[in-house]
Amino acid sequence: MRAFLHTAALALSLALLPQAAQAERLKDLTTIAGVRQNQLSGYGIVVGLDGSGDQTTQTPFTVQSIVSMLQAKGVNMPPGTSLQLKNVAAVMVTASLPAFAQPGQTIDITVSSIGNAKSLRGGTLIMTPLQGADGQVYAMAQGNVLVGGVGAQAGGAQVQVNHLSVGKISAGATVERAVASNLGENNQIRLELNTTDFSTVARVVEAINNHFGPDIATALDGRVIRVRSPSSSDQRVAFIGILEGLEVNPSKLAAKVIMNARTGSVVMNQTVTLDTCAISHGNLSVTISSDPQVSQPGPFSGGQTVVTQNTQVEVKKDPGKVVMVKGGASLADVVKAMNAIGASPQDLLSILQALKAAGSLRAELEII
């Protein structure tokens, strides 16, 4: 029995000890400069819709696009021809070009209606060039649009499940141009921390130099680390693979409280603490009610029925509560104190602002 109690006490004491910081891989903490995605976009036409396309009287650019496409195919429309299209929709096509993508590879694309088409379901995207920010064409898109929804309407009634004006085409674009990469230029790479933190940068530099040797990594600022890499491409790839697997204990996050003034949401991280302070909270509610009163005249009196309003105003003040919070209180203590005084999310916004103004809140207050 004593052994059992001793074991239970030991387990409880270990549970109460502060937990060590969780080590994270450099792959999760940093990115490599130059290894990034590039956004592509293009203007296209979806055809083959079942009467759910753009209303051409309200989207003249759809008709202009069809006329231009037909002229490029050698079809000239007679002058004065008015097209009434129901199976065509103008769309924007977007995609992300992965790092090191080469010509011939395929990527997924998203097709979004820019007119007033009711649905893109069952449509086919006509060949669309996808351009980068520099105006160059990096991919060509075409294929059948897959819409994850369904809709139907008849007799004024309408039923719709999910969104019908946006669809995807898996492997719907073929890469035509590769983006030049300067990875390993001058036999060095640059690691960029996801969040600026001088302490974490120092730990990353120490971990790299301890593993590969002194002066391999150098901190440039609170975010960027320069690392010397092998000159051979295959050795460089193996080196980066090992580098991404190194584990580092990042420093604690800066204490921050994020408040959304529109929704009343409040989010605090675990490093938020309070200095010694007293928090009071009380509610004042005013209720106004109005009951109609009917005054009916006697028979044959010649009077008129009169309706008057009996208005009652009631003011109710809930008793205020004062809670004492000791210095160094953790997030759990802060939440417990707020719950004890019955603070709502909207009340919490005002209380936290007052604590910050009083200098008792040890955290950065950010309102979004």
Protein backbone atom coordinates (compact mmCIF):
# COMPACT_ATOMS: atom_id res chain seq x y z
CA MET A 1 0.00 0.00 0.00
CA ARG A 2 2.87 2.36 0.86
CA ALA A 3 4.54 1.54 -2.45
CA PHE A 4 1.31 2.37 -4.26
CA LEU A 5 0.95 5.69 -2.43
CA HIS A 6 4.59 6.53 -3.08
CA THR A 7 4.17 5.80 -6.79
CA ALA A 8 0.99 7.89 -6.98
CA ALA A 9 2.66 10.80 -5.18
CA LEU A 10 5.64 10.60 -7.53
CA ALA A 11 3.37 10.59 -10.58
CA LEU A 12 1.46 13.58 -9.23
CA SER A 13 4.64 15.52 -8.55
CA LEU A 14 5.92 14.80 -12.06
CA ALA A 15 2.62 15.98 -13.53
CA LEU A 16 2.91 19.26 -11.64
CA LEU A 17 6.45 19.94 -12.87
CA PRO A 18 6.73 22.50 -15.71
CA GLN A 19 6.86 20.75 -19.05
CA ALA A 20 9.98 21.14 -21.14
CA ALA A 21 9.71 22.98 -24.41
CA GLN A 22 8.81 20.72 -27.29
CA ALA A 23 11.61 20.43 -29.86
CA GLU A 24 10.63 21.21 -33.44
CA ARG A 25 12.30 20.43 -36.75
CA LEU A 26 13.88 23.22 -38.74
CA LYS A 27 11.53 22.21 -41.56
CA ASP A 28 8.64 23.38 -39.36
CA LEU A 29 10.35 26.52 -38.03
CA THR A 30 11.93 27.90 -41.19
CA THR A 31 11.64 28.17 -44.94
CA ILE A 32 14.44 28.24 -47.51
CA ALA A 33 14.77 31.45 -49.48
CA GLY A 34 13.83 30.87 -53.11
CA VAL A 35 11.86 27.68 -52.42
CA ARG A 36 8.32 28.97 -52.76
CA GLN A 37 5.11 28.72 -54.74
CA ASN A 38 4.11 31.22 -57.42
CA GLN A 39 0.52 32.28 -58.06
CA LEU A 40 -0.91 31.98 -61.57
CA SER A 41 -4.18 33.27 -62.97
CA GLY A 42 -5.96 33.48 -66.30
CA TYR A 43 -9.25 34.46 -67.93
CA GLY A 44 -11.17 31.65 -69.62
CA ILE A 45 -14.48 30.39 -70.93
CA VAL A 46 -16.48 27.40 -69.70
CA VAL A 47 -18.79 25.83 -72.32
CA GLY A 48 -21.25 22.97 -72.33
CA LEU A 49 -23.42 24.16 -69.45
CA ASP A 50 -27.02 23.02 -69.23
CA GLY A 51 -28.65 26.42 -69.57
CA SER A 52 -26.99 27.70 -66.39
CA GLY A 53 -24.46 30.03 -68.03
CA ASP A 54 -24.13 33.82 -67.97
CA GLN A 55 -27.03 36.04 -68.95
CA THR A 56 -25.35 37.71 -71.90
CA THR A 57 -27.48 40.87 -71.66
CA GLN A 58 -25.90 41.57 -68.27
CA THR A 59 -22.40 40.19 -68.99
CA PRO A 60 -21.40 41.55 -72.41
CA PHE A 61 -17.78 40.49 -71.90
CA THR A 62 -18.86 36.85 -72.22
CA VAL A 63 -20.21 37.50 -75.73
CA GLN A 64 -17.07 39.46 -76.65
CA SER A 65 -14.90 36.55 -75.49
CA ILE A 66 -16.89 34.05 -77.58
CA VAL A 67 -16.70 36.26 -80.67
CA SER A 68 -12.94 36.69 -80.25
CA MET A 69 -12.46 32.94 -79.77
CA LEU A 70 -14.52 32.12 -82.86
CA GLN A 71 -12.56 34.63 -84.94
CA ALA A 72 -9.32 33.03 -83.77
CA LYS A 73 -10.72 29.69 -84.95
CA GLY A 74 -11.55 31.17 -88.38
CA VAL A 75 -15.28 31.68 -87.81
CA ASN A 76 -16.47 35.20 -88.69
CA MET A 77 -19.87 36.30 -87.43
CA PRO A 78 -22.14 38.27 -89.78
CA PRO A 79 -22.40 41.97 -88.89
CA GLY A 80 -25.23 42.77 -86.51
CA THR A 81 -25.48 39.25 -85.15
CA SER A 82 -26.80 39.17 -81.59
CA LEU A 83 -25.74 36.12 -79.63
CA GLN A 84 -28.00 34.79 -76.89
CA LEU A 85 -25.83 32.28 -75.07
CA LYS A 86 -27.04 30.14 -72.18
CA ASN A 87 -24.40 27.42 -72.03
CA VAL A 88 -21.32 29.64 -71.69
CA ALA A 89 -19.76 31.30 -68.62
CA ALA A 90 -16.78 33.61 -68.20
CA VAL A 91 -14.43 32.40 -65.46
CA MET A 92 -11.16 33.17 -63.71
CA VAL A 93 -8.73 30.28 -63.45
CA THR A 94 -6.23 30.25 -60.58
CA ALA A 95 -3.41 27.89 -59.62
CA SER A 96 -0.24 27.66 -57.55
CA LEU A 97 2.99 26.76 -59.36
CA PRO A 98 5.10 24.64 -56.97
CA ALA A 99 8.79 25.24 -56.47
CA PHE A 100 11.06 23.52 -59.03
CA ALA A 101 8.08 22.63 -61.28
CA GLN A 102 9.28 21.62 -64.74
CA PRO A 103 7.60 21.78 -68.18
CA GLY A 104 5.27 18.85 -68.72
CA GLN A 105 4.21 18.48 -65.10
CA THR A 106 0.54 18.98 -64.22
CA ILE A 107 -1.00 21.07 -61.45
CA ASP A 108 -4.52 21.46 -60.02
CA ILE A 109 -6.58 24.52 -60.91
CA THR A 110 -9.63 26.31 -59.52
CA VAL A 111 -12.29 27.70 -61.86
CA SER A 112 -14.49 30.56 -60.54
CA SER A 113 -17.37 32.29 -62.29
CA ILE A 114 -17.03 36.07 -62.68
CA GLY A 115 -20.44 36.62 -64.30
CA ASN A 116 -23.91 35.64 -63.18
CA ALA A 117 -23.81 31.96 -64.14
CA LYS A 118 -26.03 29.85 -61.93
CA SER A 119 -23.81 26.78 -62.03
CA LEU A 120 -20.58 25.50 -63.61
CA ARG A 121 -21.62 21.89 -63.14
CA GLY A 122 -20.93 19.75 -66.20
CA GLY A 123 -18.98 22.48 -68.04
CA THR A 124 -15.68 22.22 -69.90
CA LEU A 125 -12.94 24.81 -69.61
CA ILE A 126 -11.53 25.87 -72.99
CA MET A 127 -7.73 26.15 -73.26
CA THR A 128 -6.67 29.02 -71.01
CA PRO A 129 -3.16 30.47 -70.58
CA LEU A 130 -2.13 31.02 -66.94
CA GLN A 131 0.15 33.97 -66.32
CA GLY A 132 2.42 34.95 -63.45
CA ALA A 133 2.98 38.36 -61.88
CA ASP A 134 5.50 39.15 -64.63
CA GLY A 135 2.93 38.62 -67.37
CA GLN A 136 4.62 35.49 -68.74
CA VAL A 137 2.62 32.34 -69.49
CA TYR A 138 3.71 29.49 -67.21
CA ALA A 139 0.94 26.94 -67.76
CA MET A 140 -1.99 26.05 -70.01
CA ALA A 141 -5.29 24.91 -68.49
CA GLN A 142 -8.14 22.88 -69.94
CA GLY A 143 -10.51 20.15 -68.80
CA ASN A 144 -13.88 19.20 -67.35
CA VAL A 145 -14.94 21.20 -64.30
CA LEU A 146 -15.89 19.23 -61.19
CA VAL A 147 -18.34 21.05 -58.93
CA GLY A 148 -18.96 19.63 -55.46
CA GLY A 149 -22.59 20.63 -55.25
CA VAL A 150 -26.01 20.24 -56.81
CA GLY A 151 -29.02 22.50 -57.33
CA ALA A 152 -32.51 22.39 -58.79
CA GLN A 153 -35.37 24.82 -59.19
CA ALA A 154 -38.96 24.66 -60.48
CA GLY A 155 -42.12 26.66 -59.98
CA GLY A 156 -40.38 29.34 -57.96
CA ALA A 157 -38.88 26.82 -55.52
CA GLN A 158 -35.13 26.31 -55.37
CA VAL A 159 -32.86 23.82 -53.62
CA GLN A 160 -29.09 24.15 -53.58
CA VAL A 161 -26.38 22.13 -51.86
CA ASN A 162 -22.91 23.67 -51.54
CA HIS A 163 -21.46 26.26 -53.90
CA LEU A 164 -22.11 25.87 -57.63
CA SER A 165 -20.14 28.76 -59.14
CA VAL A 166 -16.67 27.42 -58.24
CA GLY A 167 -15.15 24.14 -59.38
CA LYS A 168 -11.81 22.34 -59.55
CA ILE A 169 -9.94 20.42 -62.22
CA SER A 170 -7.39 17.96 -60.88
CA ALA A 171 -4.20 18.05 -62.97
CA GLY A 172 -6.04 20.53 -65.18
CA ALA A 173 -3.01 22.62 -66.17
CA THR A 174 0.27 21.63 -67.80
CA VAL A 175 3.41 23.58 -66.87
CA GLU A 176 5.00 25.22 -69.92
CA ARG A 177 7.75 27.28 -68.33
CA ALA A 178 9.98 26.69 -65.30
CA VAL A 179 10.76 29.41 -62.76
CA ALA A 180 14.47 30.06 -62.43
CA SER A 181 15.92 29.21 -59.01
CA ASN A 182 19.08 30.56 -57.39
CA LEU A 183 19.20 27.89 -54.68
CA GLY A 184 22.80 27.31 -53.62
CA GLU A 185 24.14 30.42 -55.31
CA ASN A 186 27.63 31.31 -54.02
CA ASN A 187 27.59 27.97 -52.12
CA GLN A 188 25.16 29.21 -49.51
CA ILE A 189 21.48 29.05 -48.64
CA ARG A 190 19.34 31.31 -46.49
CA LEU A 191 16.97 30.03 -43.84
CA GLU A 192 14.10 32.33 -42.97
CA LEU A 193 12.30 31.92 -39.64
CA ASN A 194 8.51 31.87 -39.87
CA THR A 195 8.34 34.37 -36.99
CA THR A 196 10.94 36.96 -36.09
CA ASP A 197 12.61 35.84 -32.86
CA PHE A 198 16.25 36.60 -31.97
CA SER A 199 16.40 33.90 -29.30
CA THR A 200 15.20 31.18 -31.66
CA VAL A 201 17.62 32.34 -34.37
CA ALA A 202 20.52 32.02 -31.92
CA ARG A 203 19.40 28.49 -31.01
CA VAL A 204 19.11 27.49 -34.66
CA VAL A 205 22.62 28.76 -35.42
CA GLU A 206 23.97 26.88 -32.41
CA ALA A 207 22.24 23.64 -33.42
CA ILE A 208 23.55 23.83 -37.01
CA ASN A 209 27.13 24.60 -35.97
CA ASN A 210 27.11 21.84 -33.36
CA HIS A 211 26.03 19.32 -36.00
CA PHE A 212 28.03 20.38 -39.08
CA GLY A 213 30.93 22.28 -37.55
CA PRO A 214 31.80 25.85 -36.56
CA ASP A 215 31.04 28.84 -38.79
CA ILE A 216 28.64 26.87 -41.01
CA ALA A 217 25.65 29.03 -39.96
CA THR A 218 25.62 32.78 -39.35
CA ALA A 219 22.70 34.86 -38.10
CA LEU A 220 22.04 37.94 -40.25
CA ASP A 221 19.15 39.33 -38.17
CA GLY A 222 16.22 38.17 -36.09
CA ARG A 223 14.78 36.17 -38.98
CA VAL A 224 17.42 35.20 -41.57
CA ILE A 225 20.26 32.69 -41.15
CA ARG A 226 22.97 32.21 -43.77
CA VAL A 227 24.25 28.64 -44.10
CA ARG A 228 27.26 27.49 -46.13
CA SER A 229 26.35 24.54 -48.36
CA PRO A 230 28.29 22.10 -50.58
CA SER A 231 28.98 23.14 -54.17
CA SER A 232 27.78 19.88 -55.72
CA SER A 233 24.03 19.74 -56.39
CA ASP A 234 23.55 16.18 -55.08
CA GLN A 235 25.56 16.92 -51.94
CA ARG A 236 23.59 20.14 -51.48
CA VAL A 237 20.27 18.27 -51.65
CA ALA A 238 21.46 15.71 -49.08
CA PHE A 239 22.79 18.53 -46.89
CA ILE A 240 19.44 20.37 -46.95
CA GLY A 241 17.62 17.13 -46.15
CA ILE A 242 19.73 16.64 -43.02
CA LEU A 243 19.44 20.33 -42.16
CA GLU A 244 15.63 20.26 -42.23
CA GLY A 245 15.59 17.30 -39.84
CA LEU A 246 17.58 19.05 -37.07
CA GLU A 247 15.52 19.69 -33.93
CA VAL A 248 15.57 22.97 -32.04
CA ASN A 249 13.72 24.11 -28.92
CA PRO A 250 12.19 27.48 -29.91
CA SER A 251 11.92 30.21 -27.32
CA LYS A 252 8.58 31.00 -25.75
CA LEU A 253 6.16 33.03 -27.79
CA ALA A 254 5.67 36.68 -26.96
CA ALA A 255 2.67 37.24 -24.71
CA LYS A 256 -0.19 38.39 -26.91
CA VAL A 257 -3.94 38.84 -26.63
CA ILE A 258 -5.93 38.95 -29.89
CA MET A 259 -9.39 40.52 -29.71
CA ASN A 260 -11.97 40.62 -32.50
CA ALA A 261 -14.15 43.65 -31.86
CA ARG A 262 -16.80 42.51 -34.36
CA THR A 263 -17.42 39.03 -33.00
CA GLY A 264 -16.28 39.46 -29.40
CA SER A 265 -13.72 36.65 -29.71
CA VAL A 266 -10.71 36.79 -27.38
CA VAL A 267 -7.68 34.52 -27.78
CA MET A 268 -4.69 34.50 -25.39
CA ASN A 269 -1.56 32.39 -25.55
CA GLN A 270 -0.10 30.59 -22.55
CA THR A 271 2.52 33.26 -21.78
CA VAL A 272 -0.05 35.91 -20.84
CA THR A 273 0.19 36.90 -17.16
CA LEU A 274 -1.18 39.59 -14.88
CA ASP A 275 0.34 41.78 -12.21
CA THR A 276 -1.46 42.11 -8.89
CA CYS A 277 -4.78 43.82 -9.56
CA ALA A 278 -8.43 43.95 -8.56
CA ILE A 279 -11.18 43.47 -11.15
CA SER A 280 -14.79 44.54 -10.56
CA HIS A 281 -17.77 43.91 -12.77
CA GLY A 282 -21.43 44.86 -12.54
CA ASN A 283 -24.36 44.95 -14.94
CA LEU A 284 -26.96 47.66 -15.31
CA SER A 285 -30.06 46.67 -17.33
CA VAL A 286 -33.00 48.85 -18.33
CA THR A 287 -36.26 47.14 -19.37
CA ILE A 288 -39.06 49.10 -21.04
CA SER A 289 -42.40 47.35 -21.57
CA SER A 290 -45.62 48.69 -23.04
CA ASP A 291 -49.08 47.13 -22.57
CA PRO A 292 -52.04 48.38 -24.64
CA GLN A 293 -55.09 49.42 -22.59
CA VAL A 294 -58.51 49.63 -24.33
CA SER A 295 -61.08 52.14 -23.04
CA GLN A 296 -64.56 51.07 -24.16
CA PRO A 297 -67.42 53.68 -23.79
CA GLY A 298 -70.80 52.71 -22.43
CA PRO A 299 -73.72 51.67 -24.70
CA PHE A 300 -75.44 54.52 -26.57
CA SER A 301 -73.04 57.04 -24.99
CA GLY A 302 -71.78 58.28 -28.31
CA GLY A 303 -68.18 57.90 -27.20
CA GLN A 304 -65.30 56.30 -29.11
CA THR A 305 -63.10 53.38 -28.25
CA VAL A 306 -59.63 54.60 -27.27
CA VAL A 307 -56.46 52.53 -27.05
CA THR A 308 -53.78 53.82 -24.70
CA GLN A 309 -50.32 52.49 -23.93
CA ASN A 310 -49.37 51.65 -20.35
CA THR A 311 -45.59 52.01 -20.30
CA GLN A 312 -43.43 50.61 -17.51
CA VAL A 313 -39.71 51.27 -17.05
CA GLU A 314 -37.69 48.96 -14.84
CA VAL A 315 -34.04 49.52 -13.94
CA LYS A 316 -32.17 46.55 -12.53
CA LYS A 317 -28.64 46.67 -11.28
CA ASP A 318 -26.87 43.40 -10.56
CA PRO A 319 -24.55 43.46 -7.58
CA GLY A 320 -20.95 44.09 -8.64
CA LYS A 321 -18.22 41.61 -7.86
CA VAL A 322 -14.59 42.30 -7.09
CA VAL A 323 -11.95 39.65 -7.72
CA MET A 324 -8.36 39.89 -6.50
CA VAL A 325 -5.74 38.52 -8.88
CA LYS A 326 -2.26 37.96 -7.49
CA GLY A 327 0.82 38.97 -9.42
CA GLY A 328 2.20 36.47 -11.93
CA ALA A 329 -1.18 34.90 -12.58
CA SER A 330 -1.17 32.48 -15.50
CA LEU A 331 -3.67 32.13 -18.32
CA ALA A 332 -5.71 29.64 -16.28
CA ASP A 333 -5.93 32.15 -13.42
CA VAL A 334 -6.99 34.91 -15.79
CA VAL A 335 -9.77 32.77 -17.29
CA LYS A 336 -10.90 31.64 -13.83
CA ALA A 337 -11.11 35.24 -12.62
CA MET A 338 -13.14 36.32 -15.66
CA ASN A 339 -15.56 33.44 -15.21
CA ALA A 340 -15.91 34.18 -11.50
CA ILE A 341 -17.26 37.68 -12.16
CA GLY A 342 -19.52 36.46 -14.96
CA ALA A 343 -17.83 38.38 -17.74
CA SER A 344 -19.18 37.84 -21.25
CA PRO A 345 -16.86 38.01 -24.28
CA GLN A 346 -17.91 41.60 -24.91
CA ASP A 347 -17.25 42.47 -21.25
CA LEU A 348 -13.88 40.76 -21.53
CA LEU A 349 -12.85 43.15 -24.29
CA SER A 350 -13.41 46.16 -22.04
CA ILE A 351 -11.79 44.50 -19.01
CA LEU A 352 -8.62 43.57 -20.92
CA GLN A 353 -8.33 47.07 -22.36
CA ALA A 354 -8.65 48.52 -18.88
CA LEU A 355 -6.03 46.09 -17.54
CA LYS A 356 -3.65 47.11 -20.32
CA ALA A 357 -4.22 50.79 -19.60
CA ALA A 358 -3.58 50.18 -15.89
CA GLY A 359 -0.31 48.38 -16.67
CA SER A 360 -1.43 45.09 -15.13
CA LEU A 361 -1.64 43.04 -18.33
CA ARG A 362 1.73 41.59 -19.28
CA ALA A 363 0.95 41.05 -22.94
CA GLU A 364 0.62 42.82 -26.25
CA LEU A 365 -2.99 43.73 -26.95
CA GLU A 366 -4.00 43.48 -30.62
CA ILE A 367 -7.50 44.34 -31.87
CA ILE A 368 -8.54 43.00 -35.26
